[in-house]
Amino acid sequence: MDYSFPTMPEGIGPLYPVVDDIDLLKRLLELGVLTVQLRVKDPEHPMLNT
């Protein structure tokens, strides 16, 4: 049985990475990932800007 996901030329569809690190987010975007969710676990973190 083939359990792999089908190719989606318009992006990854309903699947997307969820990251908690801005550097990883930037890297994924530079690699061409179209949809990424940044999960902020600590809204008081000193590295966050408004």
PDB file of N, CA and C in Angstrom:
ATOM      1  N   MET A   1       0.840  -1.192   0.000  1.00  0.00           N
ATOM      2  CA  MET A   1       0.000   0.000   0.000  1.00  0.00           C
ATOM      3  C   MET A   1       0.876   1.243   0.000  1.00  0.00           C
ATOM      4  N   ASP A   2       0.427   2.234  -0.721  1.00  0.00           N
ATOM      5  CA  ASP A   2       1.146   3.504  -0.787  1.00  0.00           C
ATOM      6  C   ASP A   2       0.449   4.501   0.142  1.00  0.00           C
ATOM      7  N   TYR A   3       1.139   4.885   1.213  1.00  0.00           N
ATOM      8  CA  TYR A   3       0.562   5.807   2.187  1.00  0.00           C
ATOM      9  C   TYR A   3       1.057   7.234   2.002  1.00  0.00           C
ATOM     10  N   SER A   4       1.734   7.525   0.902  1.00  0.00           N
ATOM     11  CA  SER A   4       2.250   8.876   0.693  1.00  0.00           C
ATOM     12  C   SER A   4       1.126   9.813   0.250  1.00  0.00           C
ATOM     13  N   PHE A   5       1.339  11.101   0.500  1.00  0.00           N
ATOM     14  CA  PHE A   5       0.374  12.111   0.090  1.00  0.00           C
ATOM     15  C   PHE A   5       0.535  12.377  -1.404  1.00  0.00           C
ATOM     16  N   PRO A   6      -0.545  12.673  -2.098  1.00  0.00           N
ATOM     17  CA  PRO A   6      -0.421  13.004  -3.515  1.00  0.00           C
ATOM     18  C   PRO A   6       0.279  14.360  -3.701  1.00  0.00           C
ATOM     19  N   THR A   7       0.888  14.550  -4.877  1.00  0.00           N
ATOM     20  CA  THR A   7       1.528  15.820  -5.189  1.00  0.00           C
ATOM     21  C   THR A   7       0.470  16.901  -5.348  1.00  0.00           C
ATOM     22  N   MET A   8       0.746  18.090  -4.786  1.00  0.00           N
ATOM     23  CA  MET A   8      -0.180  19.211  -4.879  1.00  0.00           C
ATOM     24  C   MET A   8       0.563  20.397  -5.482  1.00  0.00           C
ATOM     25  N   PRO A   9       0.409  20.631  -6.778  1.00  0.00           N
ATOM     26  CA  PRO A   9       1.182  21.680  -7.439  1.00  0.00           C
ATOM     27  C   PRO A   9       0.863  23.085  -6.940  1.00  0.00           C
ATOM     28  N   GLU A  10      -0.269  23.315  -6.366  1.00  0.00           N
ATOM     29  CA  GLU A  10      -0.651  24.647  -5.883  1.00  0.00           C
ATOM     30  C   GLU A  10      -0.281  24.869  -4.422  1.00  0.00           C
ATOM     31  N   GLY A  11       0.537  24.041  -3.848  1.00  0.00           N
ATOM     32  CA  GLY A  11       0.897  24.167  -2.440  1.00  0.00           C
ATOM     33  C   GLY A  11       0.635  22.860  -1.729  1.00  0.00           C
ATOM     34  N   ILE A  12       0.675  22.907  -0.423  1.00  0.00           N
ATOM     35  CA  ILE A  12       0.524  21.670   0.327  1.00  0.00           C
ATOM     36  C   ILE A  12      -0.889  21.433   0.818  1.00  0.00           C
ATOM     37  N   GLY A  13      -1.826  22.273   0.395  1.00  0.00           N
ATOM     38  CA  GLY A  13      -3.222  22.035   0.745  1.00  0.00           C
ATOM     39  C   GLY A  13      -3.480  22.207   2.229  1.00  0.00           C
ATOM     40  N   PRO A  14      -4.199  21.270   2.811  1.00  0.00           N
ATOM     41  CA  PRO A  14      -4.592  21.424   4.217  1.00  0.00           C
ATOM     42  C   PRO A  14      -3.453  21.138   5.202  1.00  0.00           C
ATOM     43  N   LEU A  15      -2.315  20.672   4.707  1.00  0.00           N
ATOM     44  CA  LEU A  15      -1.187  20.364   5.585  1.00  0.00           C
ATOM     45  C   LEU A  15      -0.179  21.505   5.535  1.00  0.00           C
ATOM     46  N   TYR A  16       0.270  21.956   6.703  1.00  0.00           N
ATOM     47  CA  TYR A  16       1.278  23.007   6.744  1.00  0.00           C
ATOM     48  C   TYR A  16       2.054  22.888   8.040  1.00  0.00           C
ATOM     49  N   PRO A  17       3.313  23.360   8.038  1.00  0.00           N
ATOM     50  CA  PRO A  17       4.107  23.279   9.261  1.00  0.00           C
ATOM     51  C   PRO A  17       3.661  24.313  10.290  1.00  0.00           C
ATOM     52  N   VAL A  18       3.712  23.925  11.538  1.00  0.00           N
ATOM     53  CA  VAL A  18       3.463  24.820  12.669  1.00  0.00           C
ATOM     54  C   VAL A  18       4.777  24.907  13.435  1.00  0.00           C
ATOM     55  N   VAL A  19       5.331  26.116  13.527  1.00  0.00           N
ATOM     56  CA  VAL A  19       6.634  26.294  14.149  1.00  0.00           C
ATOM     57  C   VAL A  19       6.540  27.286  15.297  1.00  0.00           C
ATOM     58  N   ASP A  20       7.484  27.182  16.231  1.00  0.00           N
ATOM     59  CA  ASP A  20       7.513  28.121  17.353  1.00  0.00           C
ATOM     60  C   ASP A  20       8.814  28.923  17.371  1.00  0.00           C
ATOM     61  N   ASP A  21       9.494  28.938  16.222  1.00  0.00           N
ATOM     62  CA  ASP A  21      10.785  29.598  16.141  1.00  0.00           C
ATOM     63  C   ASP A  21      10.814  30.475  14.888  1.00  0.00           C
ATOM     64  N   ILE A  22      11.072  31.769  15.061  1.00  0.00           N
ATOM     65  CA  ILE A  22      11.029  32.693  13.941  1.00  0.00           C
ATOM     66  C   ILE A  22      12.115  32.397  12.909  1.00  0.00           C
ATOM     67  N   ASP A  23      13.259  31.905  13.352  1.00  0.00           N
ATOM     68  CA  ASP A  23      14.325  31.574  12.402  1.00  0.00           C
ATOM     69  C   ASP A  23      13.914  30.410  11.502  1.00  0.00           C
ATOM     70  N   LEU A  24      13.251  29.422  12.077  1.00  0.00           N
ATOM     71  CA  LEU A  24      12.754  28.306  11.277  1.00  0.00           C
ATOM     72  C   LEU A  24      11.666  28.789  10.321  1.00  0.00           C
ATOM     73  N   LEU A  25      10.813  29.668  10.783  1.00  0.00           N
ATOM     74  CA  LEU A  25       9.769  30.237   9.929  1.00  0.00           C
ATOM     75  C   LEU A  25      10.404  30.932   8.723  1.00  0.00           C
ATOM     76  N   LYS A  26      11.411  31.766   8.964  1.00  0.00           N
ATOM     77  CA  LYS A  26      12.090  32.462   7.865  1.00  0.00           C
ATOM     78  C   LYS A  26      12.717  31.476   6.892  1.00  0.00           C
ATOM     79  N   ARG A  27      13.346  30.447   7.420  1.00  0.00           N
ATOM     80  CA  ARG A  27      13.994  29.445   6.568  1.00  0.00           C
ATOM     81  C   ARG A  27      12.979  28.728   5.679  1.00  0.00           C
ATOM     82  N   LEU A  28      11.845  28.350   6.259  1.00  0.00           N
ATOM     83  CA  LEU A  28      10.810  27.679   5.479  1.00  0.00           C
ATOM     84  C   LEU A  28      10.284  28.577   4.370  1.00  0.00           C
ATOM     85  N   LEU A  29      10.073  29.859   4.677  1.00  0.00           N
ATOM     86  CA  LEU A  29       9.597  30.789   3.664  1.00  0.00           C
ATOM     87  C   LEU A  29      10.631  30.967   2.555  1.00  0.00           C
ATOM     88  N   GLU A  30      11.909  31.039   2.930  1.00  0.00           N
ATOM     89  CA  GLU A  30      12.974  31.151   1.929  1.00  0.00           C
ATOM     90  C   GLU A  30      13.034  29.913   1.028  1.00  0.00           C
ATOM     91  N   LEU A  31      12.664  28.760   1.568  1.00  0.00           N
ATOM     92  CA  LEU A  31      12.654  27.520   0.791  1.00  0.00           C
ATOM     93  C   LEU A  31      11.422  27.405  -0.105  1.00  0.00           C
ATOM     94  N   GLY A  32      10.491  28.348   0.026  1.00  0.00           N
ATOM     95  CA  GLY A  32       9.324  28.349  -0.841  1.00  0.00           C
ATOM     96  C   GLY A  32       8.057  27.787  -0.245  1.00  0.00           C
ATOM     97  N   VAL A  33       8.083  27.468   1.050  1.00  0.00           N
ATOM     98  CA  VAL A  33       6.859  26.982   1.697  1.00  0.00           C
ATOM     99  C   VAL A  33       5.836  28.115   1.654  1.00  0.00           C
ATOM    100  N   LEU A  34       4.622  27.822   1.195  1.00  0.00           N
ATOM    101  CA  LEU A  34       3.617  28.857   0.991  1.00  0.00           C
ATOM    102  C   LEU A  34       2.770  29.138   2.223  1.00  0.00           C
ATOM    103  N   THR A  35       2.583  28.137   3.071  1.00  0.00           N
ATOM    104  CA  THR A  35       1.730  28.300   4.246  1.00  0.00           C
ATOM    105  C   THR A  35       2.480  27.788   5.468  1.00  0.00           C
ATOM    106  N   VAL A  36       2.619  28.666   6.476  1.00  0.00           N
ATOM    107  CA  VAL A  36       3.293  28.318   7.728  1.00  0.00           C
ATOM    108  C   VAL A  36       2.530  28.995   8.860  1.00  0.00           C
ATOM    109  N   GLN A  37       2.405  28.313   9.980  1.00  0.00           N
ATOM    110  CA  GLN A  37       1.781  28.924  11.156  1.00  0.00           C
ATOM    111  C   GLN A  37       2.853  29.116  12.215  1.00  0.00           C
ATOM    112  N   LEU A  38       2.940  30.344  12.737  1.00  0.00           N
ATOM    113  CA  LEU A  38       3.839  30.633  13.846  1.00  0.00           C
ATOM    114  C   LEU A  38       3.034  30.513  15.126  1.00  0.00           C
ATOM    115  N   ARG A  39       3.407  29.579  15.967  1.00  0.00           N
ATOM    116  CA  ARG A  39       2.705  29.364  17.224  1.00  0.00           C
ATOM    117  C   ARG A  39       3.455  30.101  18.323  1.00  0.00           C
ATOM    118  N   VAL A  40       2.816  31.106  18.896  1.00  0.00           N
ATOM    119  CA  VAL A  40       3.418  31.892  19.970  1.00  0.00           C
ATOM    120  C   VAL A  40       2.946  31.315  21.295  1.00  0.00           C
ATOM    121  N   LYS A  41       3.881  30.727  22.023  1.00  0.00           N
ATOM    122  CA  LYS A  41       3.526  30.108  23.304  1.00  0.00           C
ATOM    123  C   LYS A  41       3.684  31.084  24.466  1.00  0.00           C
ATOM    124  N   ASP A  42       4.546  32.084  24.292  1.00  0.00           N
ATOM    125  CA  ASP A  42       4.787  33.059  25.358  1.00  0.00           C
ATOM    126  C   ASP A  42       4.651  34.451  24.788  1.00  0.00           C
ATOM    127  N   PRO A  43       3.457  35.076  24.890  1.00  0.00           N
ATOM    128  CA  PRO A  43       3.253  36.400  24.284  1.00  0.00           C
ATOM    129  C   PRO A  43       4.097  37.504  24.947  1.00  0.00           C
ATOM    130  N   GLU A  44       4.715  37.213  26.074  1.00  0.00           N
ATOM    131  CA  GLU A  44       5.555  38.198  26.760  1.00  0.00           C
ATOM    132  C   GLU A  44       7.036  38.009  26.445  1.00  0.00           C
ATOM    133  N   HIS A  45       7.359  37.110  25.515  1.00  0.00           N
ATOM    134  CA  HIS A  45       8.757  36.850  25.174  1.00  0.00           C
ATOM    135  C   HIS A  45       9.415  38.142  24.677  1.00  0.00           C
ATOM    136  N   PRO A  46      10.615  38.441  25.151  1.00  0.00           N
ATOM    137  CA  PRO A  46      11.268  39.710  24.777  1.00  0.00           C
ATOM    138  C   PRO A  46      11.582  39.856  23.290  1.00  0.00           C
ATOM    139  N   MET A  47      11.590  38.740  22.528  1.00  0.00           N
ATOM    140  CA  MET A  47      11.905  38.828  21.094  1.00  0.00           C
ATOM    141  C   MET A  47      10.691  39.183  20.245  1.00  0.00           C
ATOM    142  N   LEU A  48       9.496  39.266  20.845  1.00  0.00           N
ATOM    143  CA  LEU A  48       8.286  39.591  20.085  1.00  0.00           C
ATOM    144  C   LEU A  48       8.090  41.106  20.047  1.00  0.00           C
ATOM    145  N   ASN A  49       7.737  41.586  18.878  1.00  0.00           N
ATOM    146  CA  ASN A  49       7.403  43.003  18.711  1.00  0.00           C
ATOM    147  C   ASN A  49       5.943  43.114  18.313  1.00  0.00           C
ATOM    148  N   THR A  50       5.370  44.257  18.560  1.00  0.00           N
ATOM    149  CA  THR A  50       3.991  44.465  18.122  1.00  0.00           C
ATOM    150  C   THR A  50       3.953  45.119  16.772  1.00  0.00           C
TER     151      THR A  50
END
